[in-house]
C-alpha cells in the first residue's frame, strides 16, 4: 500500500488509521476528520491534504 491515512472522528474523538493505494485531495481529503496522510513510497506527510513535507530519518 502506498498511503497511510489517520483520521479522528469529530464526534467521538476516536482515532483510526488505514492503508490505501489511492489518495487524491479533491476526492478523499476531509478536514472535518483531522486527516493526516503519509505517502509511504515517497516519505512525505501532509496535515492539510495539499502541502507535502519530507519525513526526516532518525540516524541513531
PDB file of N, CA and C in Angstrom:
ATOM      1  N   UNK A   1       0.834  -1.181   0.000  1.00  0.00           N
ATOM      2  CA  UNK A   1       0.000   0.000   0.000  1.00  0.00           C
ATOM      3  C   UNK A   1       0.885   1.253   0.000  1.00  0.00           C
ATOM      4  N   UNK A   2       0.405   2.280  -0.663  1.00  0.00           N
ATOM      5  CA  UNK A   2       1.206   3.489  -0.802  1.00  0.00           C
ATOM      6  C   UNK A   2       0.965   4.513   0.297  1.00  0.00           C
ATOM      7  N   UNK A   3      -0.267   4.637   0.772  1.00  0.00           N
ATOM      8  CA  UNK A   3      -0.608   5.684   1.731  1.00  0.00           C
ATOM      9  C   UNK A   3      -1.084   5.107   3.064  1.00  0.00           C
ATOM     10  N   UNK A   4      -0.716   5.791   4.131  1.00  0.00           N
ATOM     11  CA  UNK A   4      -1.247   5.524   5.460  1.00  0.00           C
ATOM     12  C   UNK A   4      -2.031   6.771   5.837  1.00  0.00           C
ATOM     13  N   UNK A   5      -3.306   6.604   6.144  1.00  0.00           N
ATOM     14  CA  UNK A   5      -4.169   7.736   6.459  1.00  0.00           C
ATOM     15  C   UNK A   5      -4.700   7.600   7.875  1.00  0.00           C
ATOM     16  N   UNK A   6      -4.541   8.678   8.654  1.00  0.00           N
ATOM     17  CA  UNK A   6      -5.052   8.704  10.020  1.00  0.00           C
ATOM     18  C   UNK A   6      -6.177   9.730  10.080  1.00  0.00           C
ATOM     19  N   UNK A   7      -7.271   9.341  10.701  1.00  0.00           N
ATOM     20  CA  UNK A   7      -8.404  10.254  10.870  1.00  0.00           C
ATOM     21  C   UNK A   7      -8.847  10.262  12.331  1.00  0.00           C
ATOM     22  N   UNK A   8      -9.525  11.346  12.703  1.00  0.00           N
ATOM     23  CA  UNK A   8     -10.109  11.470  14.029  1.00  0.00           C
ATOM     24  C   UNK A   8     -11.598  11.753  13.856  1.00  0.00           C
ATOM     25  N   UNK A   9     -12.424  10.926  14.466  1.00  0.00           N
ATOM     26  CA  UNK A   9     -13.874  11.127  14.385  1.00  0.00           C
ATOM     27  C   UNK A   9     -14.215  12.415  15.133  1.00  0.00           C
ATOM     28  N   UNK A  10     -14.836  13.398  14.462  1.00  0.00           N
ATOM     29  CA  UNK A  10     -15.119  14.675  15.119  1.00  0.00           C
ATOM     30  C   UNK A  10     -16.139  14.585  16.254  1.00  0.00           C
ATOM     31  N   UNK A  11     -16.968  13.569  16.257  1.00  0.00           N
ATOM     32  CA  UNK A  11     -17.981  13.428  17.305  1.00  0.00           C
ATOM     33  C   UNK A  11     -17.457  12.722  18.543  1.00  0.00           C
ATOM     34  N   UNK A  12     -16.634  11.686  18.331  1.00  0.00           N
ATOM     35  CA  UNK A  12     -16.167  10.879  19.460  1.00  0.00           C
ATOM     36  C   UNK A  12     -14.716  11.143  19.840  1.00  0.00           C
ATOM     37  N   UNK A  13     -13.931  11.708  18.908  1.00  0.00           N
ATOM     38  CA  UNK A  13     -12.509  11.918  19.158  1.00  0.00           C
ATOM     39  C   UNK A  13     -11.679  10.663  18.939  1.00  0.00           C
ATOM     40  N   UNK A  14     -12.333   9.572  18.560  1.00  0.00           N
ATOM     41  CA  UNK A  14     -11.630   8.304  18.340  1.00  0.00           C
ATOM     42  C   UNK A  14     -10.761   8.396  17.085  1.00  0.00           C
ATOM     43  N   UNK A  15      -9.506   7.981  17.232  1.00  0.00           N
ATOM     44  CA  UNK A  15      -8.565   7.979  16.110  1.00  0.00           C
ATOM     45  C   UNK A  15      -8.535   6.600  15.476  1.00  0.00           C
ATOM     46  N   UNK A  16      -8.362   6.581  14.162  1.00  0.00           N
ATOM     47  CA  UNK A  16      -8.197   5.322  13.448  1.00  0.00           C
ATOM     48  C   UNK A  16      -7.289   5.571  12.255  1.00  0.00           C
ATOM     49  N   UNK A  17      -6.784   4.499  11.683  1.00  0.00           N
ATOM     50  CA  UNK A  17      -5.870   4.605  10.548  1.00  0.00           C
ATOM     51  C   UNK A  17      -6.132   3.463   9.583  1.00  0.00           C
ATOM     52  N   UNK A  18      -5.790   3.705   8.312  1.00  0.00           N
ATOM     53  CA  UNK A  18      -5.928   2.656   7.310  1.00  0.00           C
ATOM     54  C   UNK A  18      -4.938   2.889   6.176  1.00  0.00           C
ATOM     55  N   UNK A  19      -4.612   1.813   5.483  1.00  0.00           N
ATOM     56  CA  UNK A  19      -3.747   1.866   4.309  1.00  0.00           C
ATOM     57  C   UNK A  19      -4.602   1.904   3.054  1.00  0.00           C
ATOM     58  N   UNK A  20      -4.092   2.583   2.019  1.00  0.00           N
ATOM     59  CA  UNK A  20      -4.776   2.612   0.736  1.00  0.00           C
ATOM     60  C   UNK A  20      -3.770   2.839  -0.386  1.00  0.00           C
ATOM     61  N   UNK A  21      -4.121   2.420  -1.565  1.00  0.00           N
ATOM     62  CA  UNK A  21      -3.288   2.660  -2.751  1.00  0.00           C
ATOM     63  C   UNK A  21      -3.572   4.022  -3.352  1.00  0.00           C
ATOM     64  N   UNK A  22      -4.726   4.621  -3.051  1.00  0.00           N
ATOM     65  CA  UNK A  22      -5.171   5.825  -3.740  1.00  0.00           C
ATOM     66  C   UNK A  22      -5.407   6.978  -2.779  1.00  0.00           C
ATOM     67  N   UNK A  23      -4.927   8.157  -3.175  1.00  0.00           N
ATOM     68  CA  UNK A  23      -5.235   9.375  -2.440  1.00  0.00           C
ATOM     69  C   UNK A  23      -5.267  10.532  -3.436  1.00  0.00           C
ATOM     70  N   UNK A  24      -6.340  11.289  -3.401  1.00  0.00           N
ATOM     71  CA  UNK A  24      -6.491  12.485  -4.214  1.00  0.00           C
ATOM     72  C   UNK A  24      -7.186  13.530  -3.348  1.00  0.00           C
ATOM     73  N   UNK A  25      -6.588  14.693  -3.239  1.00  0.00           N
ATOM     74  CA  UNK A  25      -7.125  15.722  -2.347  1.00  0.00           C
ATOM     75  C   UNK A  25      -8.601  16.010  -2.610  1.00  0.00           C
ATOM     76  N   UNK A  26      -8.951  16.248  -3.849  1.00  0.00           N
ATOM     77  CA  UNK A  26     -10.327  16.635  -4.186  1.00  0.00           C
ATOM     78  C   UNK A  26     -11.346  15.542  -3.869  1.00  0.00           C
ATOM     79  N   UNK A  27     -10.945  14.292  -4.002  1.00  0.00           N
ATOM     80  CA  UNK A  27     -11.878  13.184  -3.803  1.00  0.00           C
ATOM     81  C   UNK A  27     -11.817  12.541  -2.423  1.00  0.00           C
ATOM     82  N   UNK A  28     -10.695  12.691  -1.711  1.00  0.00           N
ATOM     83  CA  UNK A  28     -10.507  11.919  -0.486  1.00  0.00           C
ATOM     84  C   UNK A  28     -10.275  12.717   0.789  1.00  0.00           C
ATOM     85  N   UNK A  29      -9.771  13.941   0.695  1.00  0.00           N
ATOM     86  CA  UNK A  29      -9.390  14.665   1.909  1.00  0.00           C
ATOM     87  C   UNK A  29     -10.604  15.140   2.695  1.00  0.00           C
ATOM     88  N   UNK A  30     -10.505  15.056   4.026  1.00  0.00           N
ATOM     89  CA  UNK A  30     -11.583  15.516   4.902  1.00  0.00           C
ATOM     90  C   UNK A  30     -10.985  16.277   6.087  1.00  0.00           C
ATOM     91  N   UNK A  31     -11.081  17.610   6.040  1.00  0.00           N
ATOM     92  CA  UNK A  31     -10.602  18.430   7.155  1.00  0.00           C
ATOM     93  C   UNK A  31     -11.436  18.175   8.411  1.00  0.00           C
ATOM     94  N   UNK A  32     -12.701  17.846   8.221  1.00  0.00           N
ATOM     95  CA  UNK A  32     -13.599  17.560   9.342  1.00  0.00           C
ATOM     96  C   UNK A  32     -13.072  16.411  10.201  1.00  0.00           C
ATOM     97  N   UNK A  33     -12.391  15.468   9.572  1.00  0.00           N
ATOM     98  CA  UNK A  33     -11.861  14.304  10.290  1.00  0.00           C
ATOM     99  C   UNK A  33     -10.400  14.467  10.685  1.00  0.00           C
ATOM    100  N   UNK A  34      -9.877  15.694  10.647  1.00  0.00           N
ATOM    101  CA  UNK A  34      -8.478  15.958  11.015  1.00  0.00           C
ATOM    102  C   UNK A  34      -7.546  14.946  10.349  1.00  0.00           C
ATOM    103  N   UNK A  35      -7.684  14.790   9.058  1.00  0.00           N
ATOM    104  CA  UNK A  35      -6.961  13.758   8.308  1.00  0.00           C
ATOM    105  C   UNK A  35      -5.477  14.083   8.174  1.00  0.00           C
ATOM    106  N   UNK A  36      -4.650  13.084   8.424  1.00  0.00           N
ATOM    107  CA  UNK A  36      -3.212  13.138   8.179  1.00  0.00           C
ATOM    108  C   UNK A  36      -2.918  12.044   7.173  1.00  0.00           C
ATOM    109  N   UNK A  37      -2.182  12.393   6.101  1.00  0.00           N
ATOM    110  CA  UNK A  37      -1.881  11.434   5.046  1.00  0.00           C
ATOM    111  C   UNK A  37      -0.364  11.281   4.942  1.00  0.00           C
ATOM    112  N   UNK A  38       0.099  10.030   4.945  1.00  0.00           N
ATOM    113  CA  UNK A  38       1.516   9.736   4.802  1.00  0.00           C
ATOM    114  C   UNK A  38       1.720   8.941   3.523  1.00  0.00           C
ATOM    115  N   UNK A  39       2.580   9.465   2.645  1.00  0.00           N
ATOM    116  CA  UNK A  39       2.951   8.767   1.416  1.00  0.00           C
ATOM    117  C   UNK A  39       4.157   7.904   1.749  1.00  0.00           C
ATOM    118  N   UNK A  40       3.940   6.611   1.891  1.00  0.00           N
ATOM    119  CA  UNK A  40       4.987   5.694   2.323  1.00  0.00           C
ATOM    120  C   UNK A  40       6.066   5.475   1.269  1.00  0.00           C
ATOM    121  N   UNK A  41       5.727   5.631   0.005  1.00  0.00           N
ATOM    122  CA  UNK A  41       6.710   5.391  -1.054  1.00  0.00           C
ATOM    123  C   UNK A  41       7.630   6.584  -1.276  1.00  0.00           C
ATOM    124  N   UNK A  42       7.179   7.783  -0.917  1.00  0.00           N
ATOM    125  CA  UNK A  42       7.995   8.987  -1.121  1.00  0.00           C
ATOM    126  C   UNK A  42       8.468   9.619   0.192  1.00  0.00           C
ATOM    127  N   UNK A  43       8.103   9.016   1.323  1.00  0.00           N
ATOM    128  CA  UNK A  43       8.460   9.546   2.640  1.00  0.00           C
ATOM    129  C   UNK A  43       8.001  10.992   2.823  1.00  0.00           C
ATOM    130  N   UNK A  44       6.714  11.228   2.537  1.00  0.00           N
ATOM    131  CA  UNK A  44       6.121  12.554   2.678  1.00  0.00           C
ATOM    132  C   UNK A  44       4.897  12.481   3.582  1.00  0.00           C
ATOM    133  N   UNK A  45       4.570  13.622   4.218  1.00  0.00           N
ATOM    134  CA  UNK A  45       3.399  13.703   5.085  1.00  0.00           C
ATOM    135  C   UNK A  45       2.677  15.015   4.820  1.00  0.00           C
ATOM    136  N   UNK A  46       1.339  15.002   4.923  1.00  0.00           N
ATOM    137  CA  UNK A  46       0.552  16.224   4.812  1.00  0.00           C
ATOM    138  C   UNK A  46      -0.464  16.271   5.941  1.00  0.00           C
ATOM    139  N   UNK A  47      -0.581  17.458   6.518  1.00  0.00           N
ATOM    140  CA  UNK A  47      -1.544  17.680   7.597  1.00  0.00           C
ATOM    141  C   UNK A  47      -2.784  18.425   7.101  1.00  0.00           C
ATOM    142  N   UNK A  48      -2.660  19.043   5.904  1.00  0.00           N
ATOM    143  CA  UNK A  48      -3.782  19.801   5.347  1.00  0.00           C
ATOM    144  C   UNK A  48      -4.273  19.236   4.017  1.00  0.00           C
ATOM    145  N   UNK A  49      -3.702  18.119   3.590  1.00  0.00           N
ATOM    146  CA  UNK A  49      -4.136  17.468   2.368  1.00  0.00           C
ATOM    147  C   UNK A  49      -3.456  17.941   1.101  1.00  0.00           C
ATOM    148  N   UNK A  50      -2.756  19.082   1.167  1.00  0.00           N
ATOM    149  CA  UNK A  50      -2.142  19.638  -0.031  1.00  0.00           C
ATOM    150  C   UNK A  50      -0.649  19.899   0.097  1.00  0.00           C
ATOM    151  N   UNK A  51      -0.218  20.446   1.211  1.00  0.00           N
ATOM    152  CA  UNK A  51       1.194  20.782   1.406  1.00  0.00           C
ATOM    153  C   UNK A  51       1.936  19.559   1.949  1.00  0.00           C
ATOM    154  N   UNK A  52       2.819  19.002   1.119  1.00  0.00           N
ATOM    155  CA  UNK A  52       3.568  17.810   1.489  1.00  0.00           C
ATOM    156  C   UNK A  52       4.920  18.200   2.080  1.00  0.00           C
ATOM    157  N   UNK A  53       5.288  17.530   3.173  1.00  0.00           N
ATOM    158  CA  UNK A  53       6.559  17.776   3.850  1.00  0.00           C
ATOM    159  C   UNK A  53       7.363  16.481   3.885  1.00  0.00           C
ATOM    160  N   UNK A  54       8.668  16.603   3.751  1.00  0.00           N
ATOM    161  CA  UNK A  54       9.565  15.451   3.812  1.00  0.00           C
ATOM    162  C   UNK A  54       9.601  14.918   5.240  1.00  0.00           C
ATOM    163  N   UNK A  55       9.537  13.601   5.393  1.00  0.00           N
ATOM    164  CA  UNK A  55       9.671  12.972   6.707  1.00  0.00           C
ATOM    165  C   UNK A  55      11.153  12.739   6.958  1.00  0.00           C
ATOM    166  N   UNK A  56      11.644  13.236   8.065  1.00  0.00           N
ATOM    167  CA  UNK A  56      13.056  13.101   8.396  1.00  0.00           C
ATOM    168  C   UNK A  56      13.353  11.705   8.960  1.00  0.00           C
ATOM    169  N   UNK A  57      14.574  11.250   8.738  1.00  0.00           N
ATOM    170  CA  UNK A  57      15.034   9.973   9.266  1.00  0.00           C
ATOM    171  C   UNK A  57      15.818  10.186  10.543  1.00  0.00           C
ATOM    172  N   UNK A  58      15.657   9.297  11.490  1.00  0.00           N
ATOM    173  CA  UNK A  58      16.436   9.290  12.713  1.00  0.00           C
ATOM    174  C   UNK A  58      17.685   8.469  12.428  1.00  0.00           C
ATOM    175  N   UNK A  59      18.843   9.082  12.571  1.00  0.00           N
ATOM    176  CA  UNK A  59      20.093   8.408  12.237  1.00  0.00           C
ATOM    177  C   UNK A  59      20.813   7.853  13.461  1.00  0.00           C
ATOM    178  N   UNK A  60      20.078   7.556  14.491  1.00  0.00           N
ATOM    179  CA  UNK A  60      20.696   6.982  15.707  1.00  0.00           C
ATOM    180  C   UNK A  60      21.005   5.522  15.512  1.00  0.00           C
TER     181      UNK A  60
END
